[in-house]
Protein backbone atom coordinates (compact mmCIF):
# COMPACT_ATOMS: atom_id res chain seq x y z
CA UNK A 1 -14.89 6.31 -18.40
CA UNK A 2 -11.61 4.65 -16.94
CA UNK A 3 -8.30 5.89 -17.87
CA UNK A 4 -5.43 4.07 -16.56
CA UNK A 5 -2.07 6.17 -15.23
CA UNK A 6 1.07 4.92 -14.30
CA UNK A 7 3.95 6.15 -12.36
CA UNK A 8 6.95 4.81 -10.42
CA UNK A 9 9.85 6.56 -7.77
CA UNK A 10 13.09 8.37 -9.09
CA UNK A 11 15.17 5.38 -9.45
CA UNK A 12 12.78 3.50 -10.97
CA UNK A 13 12.95 0.54 -8.73
CA UNK A 14 9.35 0.91 -7.81
CA UNK A 15 6.25 0.93 -10.59
CA UNK A 16 2.50 1.41 -10.01
CA UNK A 17 -0.57 1.75 -12.30
CA UNK A 18 -4.27 2.81 -11.07
CA UNK A 19 -7.43 3.23 -12.76
CA UNK A 20 -9.16 6.64 -11.97
CA UNK A 21 -11.71 8.09 -11.50
CA UNK A 22 -10.28 9.90 -8.79
CA UNK A 23 -12.11 10.88 -5.17
CA UNK A 24 -10.22 14.16 -5.25
CA UNK A 25 -6.87 15.53 -6.73
CA UNK A 26 -5.48 18.64 -4.21
CA UNK A 27 -2.71 20.66 -3.15
CA UNK A 28 -2.09 20.17 0.78
CA UNK A 29 0.07 23.00 2.16
CA UNK A 30 -0.17 20.83 5.99
CA UNK A 31 3.33 20.98 7.89
CA UNK A 32 3.04 17.16 8.08
CA UNK A 33 3.10 17.47 4.35
CA UNK A 34 5.46 20.29 3.51
CA UNK A 35 7.95 18.07 6.00
CA UNK A 36 7.57 14.45 4.83
CA UNK A 37 7.99 15.47 1.05
CA UNK A 38 10.46 18.69 1.73
CA UNK A 39 8.41 21.16 -0.94
CA UNK A 40 6.22 23.89 -0.38
CA UNK A 41 3.36 21.79 -0.89
CA UNK A 42 2.20 18.55 -2.06
CA UNK A 43 -0.15 17.92 -5.19
CA UNK A 44 -1.82 14.63 -4.83
CA UNK A 45 -3.83 12.58 -6.54
CA UNK A 46 -6.52 10.35 -4.12
CA UNK A 47 -7.87 7.07 -5.26
CA UNK A 48 -9.59 4.21 -3.86
CA UNK A 49 -7.32 1.32 -2.93
CA UNK A 50 -8.60 -1.50 -4.92
CA UNK A 51 -7.63 1.03 -7.76
CA UNK A 52 -4.13 1.06 -7.06
CA UNK A 53 -1.60 -1.83 -8.29
CA UNK A 54 2.10 -1.87 -7.53
CA UNK A 55 3.44 -3.65 -10.17
CA UNK A 56 7.10 -3.90 -9.39
CA UNK A 57 9.69 -3.07 -6.77
CA UNK A 58 7.38 -4.18 -3.75
CA UNK A 59 10.25 -5.39 -1.81
CA UNK A 60 11.88 -1.60 -1.95
CA UNK A 61 9.02 -0.08 -0.10
CA UNK A 62 9.13 0.64 2.87
CA UNK A 63 6.68 2.66 5.47
CA UNK A 64 6.65 5.64 7.90
CA UNK A 65 3.92 5.92 10.26
CA UNK A 66 3.78 9.44 10.55
CA UNK A 67 0.46 9.44 12.86
CA UNK A 68 -2.30 6.69 13.70
CA UNK A 69 -3.99 7.32 11.51
CA UNK A 70 -1.32 8.54 8.52
CA UNK A 71 1.50 6.48 6.99
CA UNK A 72 4.14 7.15 3.61
CA UNK A 73 4.90 4.23 1.94
CA UNK A 74 8.62 5.12 0.01
CA UNK A 75 11.24 3.61 -2.06
CA UNK A 76 14.13 2.58 0.56
CA UNK A 77 16.54 3.27 -2.17
CA UNK A 78 15.79 6.47 -3.99
CA UNK A 79 13.38 8.08 -1.07
CA UNK A 80 10.24 9.34 -3.27
CA UNK A 81 6.90 8.74 -2.19
CA UNK A 82 5.15 5.98 -3.67
CA UNK A 83 1.78 6.52 -1.81
CA UNK A 84 0.59 7.34 1.52
CA UNK A 85 -2.74 6.49 3.40
CA UNK A 86 -4.77 9.09 5.47
CA UNK A 87 -7.23 6.64 7.33
CA UNK A 88 -8.62 10.33 8.84
CA UNK A 89 -9.56 12.28 5.73
CA UNK A 90 -10.12 9.03 3.13
CA UNK A 91 -10.70 5.46 4.80
CA UNK A 92 -10.00 2.64 1.70
CA UNK A 93 -7.85 5.35 -0.02
CA UNK A 94 -4.45 6.18 -1.13
CA UNK A 95 -2.84 9.77 -2.02
CA UNK A 96 -0.51 9.15 -5.08
CA UNK A 97 2.34 11.90 -5.73
CA UNK A 98 1.48 13.81 -9.04
CA UNK A 99 4.99 14.19 -9.29
CA UNK A 100 5.48 10.50 -9.69
CA UNK A 101 2.81 10.09 -12.71
CA UNK A 102 5.03 8.70 -15.28
CA UNK A 103 2.07 8.88 -18.15
CA UNK A 104 0.16 11.45 -20.03
CA UNK A 105 -1.95 13.08 -17.14
CA UNK A 106 -2.78 17.11 -17.97
CA UNK A 107 -5.78 17.51 -14.77
CA UNK A 108 -5.44 20.49 -12.56
CA UNK A 109 -6.26 20.10 -8.53
CA UNK A 110 -9.81 20.27 -8.07
CA UNK A 111 -8.75 22.19 -4.63
CA UNK A 112 -5.94 23.11 -1.95
CA UNK A 113 -6.44 22.15 2.09
CA UNK A 114 -4.37 23.56 4.56
CA UNK A 115 -3.73 27.05 3.01
CA UNK A 116 -3.48 28.20 6.94
CA UNK A 117 -0.59 26.22 7.01
CA UNK A 118 0.81 27.31 3.90
CA UNK A 119 4.53 28.67 3.64
CA UNK A 120 5.18 32.20 3.90
CA UNK A 121 6.74 31.95 0.59
CA UNK A 122 4.02 30.28 -1.18
CA UNK A 123 1.48 32.62 -3.14
CA UNK A 124 -2.08 30.46 -3.95
CA UNK A 125 -3.17 29.71 -6.97
CA UNK A 126 -6.38 31.85 -6.96
CA UNK A 127 -8.24 29.26 -9.46
CA UNK A 128 -8.05 26.20 -7.69
CA UNK A 129 -10.56 26.15 -4.82
CA UNK A 130 -9.92 26.21 -1.25
CA UNK A 131 -11.14 23.90 1.22
CA UNK A 132 -10.85 24.39 4.82
CA UNK A 133 -10.56 22.18 6.70
């Protein structure tokens, strides 16, 4: 069964849609995700790139190349993450920030990764499997 979801940046200038199924849904506690997003951890929905469609705002997307394998696309107007690409872990896939999903979506993460790098004040959710990378 194919499910469609939609999302947008904070200001609404960039809008996207995606079809699911997904590769994996995860909470990432790595220092790079925490730093790039200014949060305790990042919640991502990882889907094949061909299932992602940019609906509007392409001209607003700026890209930051964090490493030779990882890039972040974000809205140049409001700074919201639009998507990330991690060619090391998931080639030909995009990471969608779950916080930007605007349609009804209730699925919980499949796994937590880089938990050894978690912020000291974070308590892990024992109901979500830990995958050691």
